[in-house]
């Protein structure tokens, strides 16, 4: 299981829907795939998810996700994350 923080910027998610999740152009995949290759792990044998099940409306992926400020949202994300782990 490979866990990220969130789904990034809303604009990036919309772009991925239109253009597809191309591992050569999406910055997350450009970082993860070489790391897995260096570790000898096949991406097809991994389960990829994010702890926070939302996107950022801001123009930046830097820093903590705004969702971290909402306790109910965090509790809901934790419940879903626990389900995925099981």
N, C-alpha and C. Protein backbone atom coordinates (compact mmCIF):
# COMPACT_ATOMS: atom_id res chain seq x y z
N UNK A 1 0.85 -1.17 0.00
CA UNK A 1 0.00 0.00 0.00
C UNK A 1 0.89 1.23 0.00
N UNK A 2 0.61 2.15 -0.92
CA UNK A 2 1.32 3.41 -1.00
C UNK A 2 0.30 4.51 -0.68
N UNK A 3 0.59 5.30 0.35
CA UNK A 3 -0.37 6.30 0.83
C UNK A 3 0.16 7.71 0.63
N UNK A 4 -0.64 8.53 -0.02
CA UNK A 4 -0.33 9.94 -0.18
C UNK A 4 -1.18 10.77 0.77
N UNK A 5 -0.98 12.08 0.74
CA UNK A 5 -1.72 12.97 1.64
C UNK A 5 -3.12 13.26 1.12
N UNK A 6 -3.20 13.76 -0.12
CA UNK A 6 -4.49 14.11 -0.70
C UNK A 6 -4.37 14.01 -2.22
N UNK A 7 -5.40 14.41 -2.93
CA UNK A 7 -5.39 14.28 -4.39
C UNK A 7 -4.82 15.49 -5.09
N UNK A 8 -4.28 16.44 -4.36
CA UNK A 8 -3.65 17.60 -4.97
C UNK A 8 -4.64 18.67 -5.37
N UNK A 9 -4.22 19.50 -6.32
CA UNK A 9 -5.02 20.65 -6.74
C UNK A 9 -6.21 20.22 -7.60
N UNK A 10 -7.31 20.93 -7.44
CA UNK A 10 -8.51 20.65 -8.22
C UNK A 10 -8.20 20.70 -9.72
N UNK A 11 -7.41 21.69 -10.14
CA UNK A 11 -7.06 21.82 -11.56
C UNK A 11 -6.30 20.59 -12.07
N UNK A 12 -5.43 20.02 -11.24
CA UNK A 12 -4.67 18.84 -11.66
C UNK A 12 -5.59 17.63 -11.82
N UNK A 13 -6.56 17.50 -10.92
CA UNK A 13 -7.50 16.38 -11.00
C UNK A 13 -8.35 16.51 -12.26
N UNK A 14 -8.82 17.71 -12.56
CA UNK A 14 -9.59 17.93 -13.78
C UNK A 14 -8.75 17.62 -15.02
N UNK A 15 -7.50 18.04 -15.01
CA UNK A 15 -6.61 17.78 -16.13
C UNK A 15 -6.38 16.28 -16.31
N UNK A 16 -6.23 15.56 -15.21
CA UNK A 16 -6.02 14.11 -15.28
C UNK A 16 -7.24 13.42 -15.86
N UNK A 17 -8.43 13.92 -15.53
CA UNK A 17 -9.65 13.34 -16.09
C UNK A 17 -9.69 13.51 -17.60
N UNK A 18 -9.30 14.68 -18.06
CA UNK A 18 -9.35 14.98 -19.49
C UNK A 18 -8.25 14.23 -20.24
N UNK A 19 -7.04 14.25 -19.68
CA UNK A 19 -5.87 13.70 -20.39
C UNK A 19 -5.46 12.31 -19.93
N UNK A 20 -6.06 11.81 -18.89
CA UNK A 20 -5.66 10.51 -18.35
C UNK A 20 -4.51 10.65 -17.38
N UNK A 21 -4.35 9.66 -16.51
CA UNK A 21 -3.27 9.66 -15.52
C UNK A 21 -1.99 9.14 -16.17
N UNK A 22 -1.38 9.95 -16.99
CA UNK A 22 -0.17 9.57 -17.69
C UNK A 22 1.02 9.63 -16.74
N UNK A 23 1.67 8.48 -16.52
CA UNK A 23 2.76 8.43 -15.54
C UNK A 23 3.96 9.26 -15.96
N UNK A 24 4.00 9.68 -17.21
CA UNK A 24 5.12 10.50 -17.66
C UNK A 24 4.88 11.98 -17.43
N UNK A 25 3.64 12.38 -17.17
CA UNK A 25 3.34 13.81 -17.03
C UNK A 25 2.83 14.21 -15.66
N UNK A 26 2.23 13.31 -14.92
CA UNK A 26 1.69 13.65 -13.59
C UNK A 26 2.84 13.60 -12.58
N UNK A 27 3.07 14.72 -11.89
CA UNK A 27 4.25 14.83 -11.03
C UNK A 27 4.32 13.74 -9.96
N UNK A 28 3.19 13.36 -9.40
CA UNK A 28 3.21 12.31 -8.37
C UNK A 28 3.79 11.02 -8.93
N UNK A 29 3.31 10.62 -10.09
CA UNK A 29 3.79 9.37 -10.68
C UNK A 29 5.24 9.49 -11.12
N UNK A 30 5.66 10.66 -11.56
CA UNK A 30 7.05 10.84 -11.97
C UNK A 30 7.99 10.64 -10.78
N UNK A 31 7.50 10.82 -9.58
CA UNK A 31 8.32 10.61 -8.38
C UNK A 31 8.18 9.19 -7.84
N UNK A 32 6.96 8.67 -7.83
CA UNK A 32 6.72 7.36 -7.22
C UNK A 32 7.29 6.20 -8.05
N UNK A 33 7.06 6.22 -9.36
CA UNK A 33 7.48 5.09 -10.19
C UNK A 33 8.99 4.84 -10.11
N UNK A 34 9.85 5.86 -10.25
CA UNK A 34 11.29 5.59 -10.11
C UNK A 34 11.66 5.08 -8.71
N UNK A 35 10.99 5.59 -7.68
CA UNK A 35 11.27 5.13 -6.33
C UNK A 35 10.94 3.64 -6.20
N UNK A 36 9.79 3.24 -6.71
CA UNK A 36 9.41 1.82 -6.66
C UNK A 36 10.38 0.97 -7.47
N UNK A 37 10.77 1.47 -8.64
CA UNK A 37 11.75 0.75 -9.47
C UNK A 37 13.06 0.54 -8.70
N UNK A 38 13.53 1.59 -8.03
CA UNK A 38 14.77 1.48 -7.25
C UNK A 38 14.66 0.46 -6.12
N UNK A 39 13.44 0.28 -5.61
CA UNK A 39 13.22 -0.67 -4.53
C UNK A 39 12.88 -2.07 -5.03
N UNK A 40 12.75 -2.20 -6.36
CA UNK A 40 12.41 -3.50 -6.93
C UNK A 40 10.96 -3.88 -6.73
N UNK A 41 10.09 -2.89 -6.62
CA UNK A 41 8.66 -3.13 -6.39
C UNK A 41 7.89 -2.82 -7.67
N UNK A 42 7.09 -3.77 -8.13
CA UNK A 42 6.28 -3.56 -9.32
C UNK A 42 5.05 -2.71 -8.97
N UNK A 43 4.83 -1.59 -9.67
CA UNK A 43 3.68 -0.75 -9.37
C UNK A 43 2.35 -1.50 -9.45
N UNK A 44 2.26 -2.47 -10.35
CA UNK A 44 1.02 -3.24 -10.50
C UNK A 44 0.68 -4.10 -9.29
N UNK A 45 1.65 -4.28 -8.41
CA UNK A 45 1.41 -5.07 -7.19
C UNK A 45 1.13 -4.18 -5.99
N UNK A 46 1.01 -2.88 -6.24
CA UNK A 46 0.76 -1.92 -5.17
C UNK A 46 -0.69 -1.46 -5.19
N UNK A 47 -1.16 -1.05 -4.04
CA UNK A 47 -2.46 -0.38 -3.91
C UNK A 47 -2.15 1.07 -3.55
N UNK A 48 -2.60 2.00 -4.38
CA UNK A 48 -2.33 3.42 -4.18
C UNK A 48 -3.58 4.10 -3.65
N UNK A 49 -3.40 4.92 -2.64
CA UNK A 49 -4.52 5.67 -2.08
C UNK A 49 -3.99 6.95 -1.44
N UNK A 50 -4.90 7.75 -0.97
CA UNK A 50 -4.57 8.95 -0.20
C UNK A 50 -5.31 8.89 1.12
N UNK A 51 -4.72 9.47 2.15
CA UNK A 51 -5.41 9.50 3.44
C UNK A 51 -6.60 10.45 3.39
N UNK A 52 -6.39 11.63 2.82
CA UNK A 52 -7.48 12.60 2.70
C UNK A 52 -8.16 12.40 1.36
N UNK A 53 -9.45 12.19 1.38
CA UNK A 53 -10.21 11.89 0.16
C UNK A 53 -10.79 13.14 -0.46
N UNK A 54 -9.94 14.09 -0.76
CA UNK A 54 -10.42 15.32 -1.37
C UNK A 54 -9.32 16.01 -2.14
N UNK A 55 -9.68 17.11 -2.78
CA UNK A 55 -8.72 17.89 -3.54
C UNK A 55 -8.62 19.28 -2.94
N UNK A 56 -7.54 19.96 -3.27
CA UNK A 56 -7.30 21.32 -2.81
C UNK A 56 -7.89 22.30 -3.82
N UNK A 57 -8.55 23.32 -3.34
CA UNK A 57 -9.07 24.34 -4.25
C UNK A 57 -8.04 25.44 -4.50
N UNK A 58 -6.99 25.46 -3.71
CA UNK A 58 -5.92 26.46 -3.88
C UNK A 58 -5.07 26.12 -5.10
N UNK A 59 -4.20 27.02 -5.47
CA UNK A 59 -3.34 26.82 -6.63
C UNK A 59 -2.02 26.16 -6.29
N UNK A 60 -1.88 25.62 -5.09
CA UNK A 60 -0.61 25.03 -4.68
C UNK A 60 -0.82 23.71 -3.97
N UNK A 61 0.11 22.78 -4.20
CA UNK A 61 0.12 21.50 -3.48
C UNK A 61 1.05 21.56 -2.28
N UNK A 62 1.70 22.70 -2.07
CA UNK A 62 2.69 22.80 -1.00
C UNK A 62 2.02 22.95 0.36
N UNK A 63 2.68 22.41 1.36
CA UNK A 63 2.21 22.57 2.74
C UNK A 63 1.11 21.60 3.10
N UNK A 64 0.67 21.70 4.34
CA UNK A 64 -0.38 20.80 4.81
C UNK A 64 -1.69 21.04 4.08
N UNK A 65 -2.43 19.97 3.90
CA UNK A 65 -3.73 20.07 3.24
C UNK A 65 -4.71 20.85 4.11
N UNK A 66 -5.54 21.69 3.49
CA UNK A 66 -6.56 22.42 4.26
C UNK A 66 -7.52 21.49 5.00
N UNK A 67 -7.69 20.27 4.49
CA UNK A 67 -8.59 19.31 5.13
C UNK A 67 -8.15 18.91 6.52
N UNK A 68 -6.89 19.13 6.85
CA UNK A 68 -6.39 18.77 8.17
C UNK A 68 -6.99 19.63 9.28
N UNK A 69 -7.66 20.72 8.92
CA UNK A 69 -8.24 21.62 9.91
C UNK A 69 -9.67 21.23 10.31
N UNK A 70 -10.26 20.26 9.65
CA UNK A 70 -11.65 19.88 9.87
C UNK A 70 -11.72 18.52 10.56
N UNK A 71 -12.09 18.50 11.83
CA UNK A 71 -12.06 17.27 12.62
C UNK A 71 -13.04 16.21 12.11
N UNK A 72 -14.22 16.61 11.69
CA UNK A 72 -15.21 15.64 11.18
C UNK A 72 -14.70 15.02 9.88
N UNK A 73 -14.17 15.86 9.02
CA UNK A 73 -13.62 15.37 7.75
C UNK A 73 -12.48 14.39 8.02
N UNK A 74 -11.60 14.73 8.95
CA UNK A 74 -10.49 13.83 9.29
C UNK A 74 -11.01 12.50 9.82
N UNK A 75 -12.03 12.55 10.67
CA UNK A 75 -12.61 11.32 11.21
C UNK A 75 -13.20 10.46 10.09
N UNK A 76 -13.88 11.09 9.15
CA UNK A 76 -14.45 10.34 8.02
C UNK A 76 -13.35 9.72 7.17
N UNK A 77 -12.28 10.49 6.91
CA UNK A 77 -11.16 9.97 6.12
C UNK A 77 -10.48 8.81 6.85
N UNK A 78 -10.34 8.92 8.16
CA UNK A 78 -9.73 7.85 8.93
C UNK A 78 -10.56 6.57 8.85
N UNK A 79 -11.88 6.70 8.97
CA UNK A 79 -12.76 5.55 8.86
C UNK A 79 -12.59 4.86 7.51
N UNK A 80 -12.56 5.65 6.45
CA UNK A 80 -12.40 5.07 5.11
C UNK A 80 -11.01 4.47 4.94
N UNK A 81 -9.99 5.11 5.48
CA UNK A 81 -8.63 4.59 5.39
C UNK A 81 -8.52 3.25 6.11
N UNK A 82 -9.11 3.16 7.29
CA UNK A 82 -9.09 1.90 8.04
C UNK A 82 -9.77 0.78 7.24
N UNK A 83 -10.86 1.12 6.56
CA UNK A 83 -11.55 0.15 5.70
C UNK A 83 -10.62 -0.34 4.59
N UNK A 84 -9.89 0.60 3.96
CA UNK A 84 -8.97 0.21 2.89
C UNK A 84 -7.85 -0.69 3.40
N UNK A 85 -7.33 -0.41 4.58
CA UNK A 85 -6.26 -1.23 5.14
C UNK A 85 -6.76 -2.66 5.40
N UNK A 86 -7.98 -2.76 5.90
CA UNK A 86 -8.55 -4.11 6.15
C UNK A 86 -8.75 -4.85 4.85
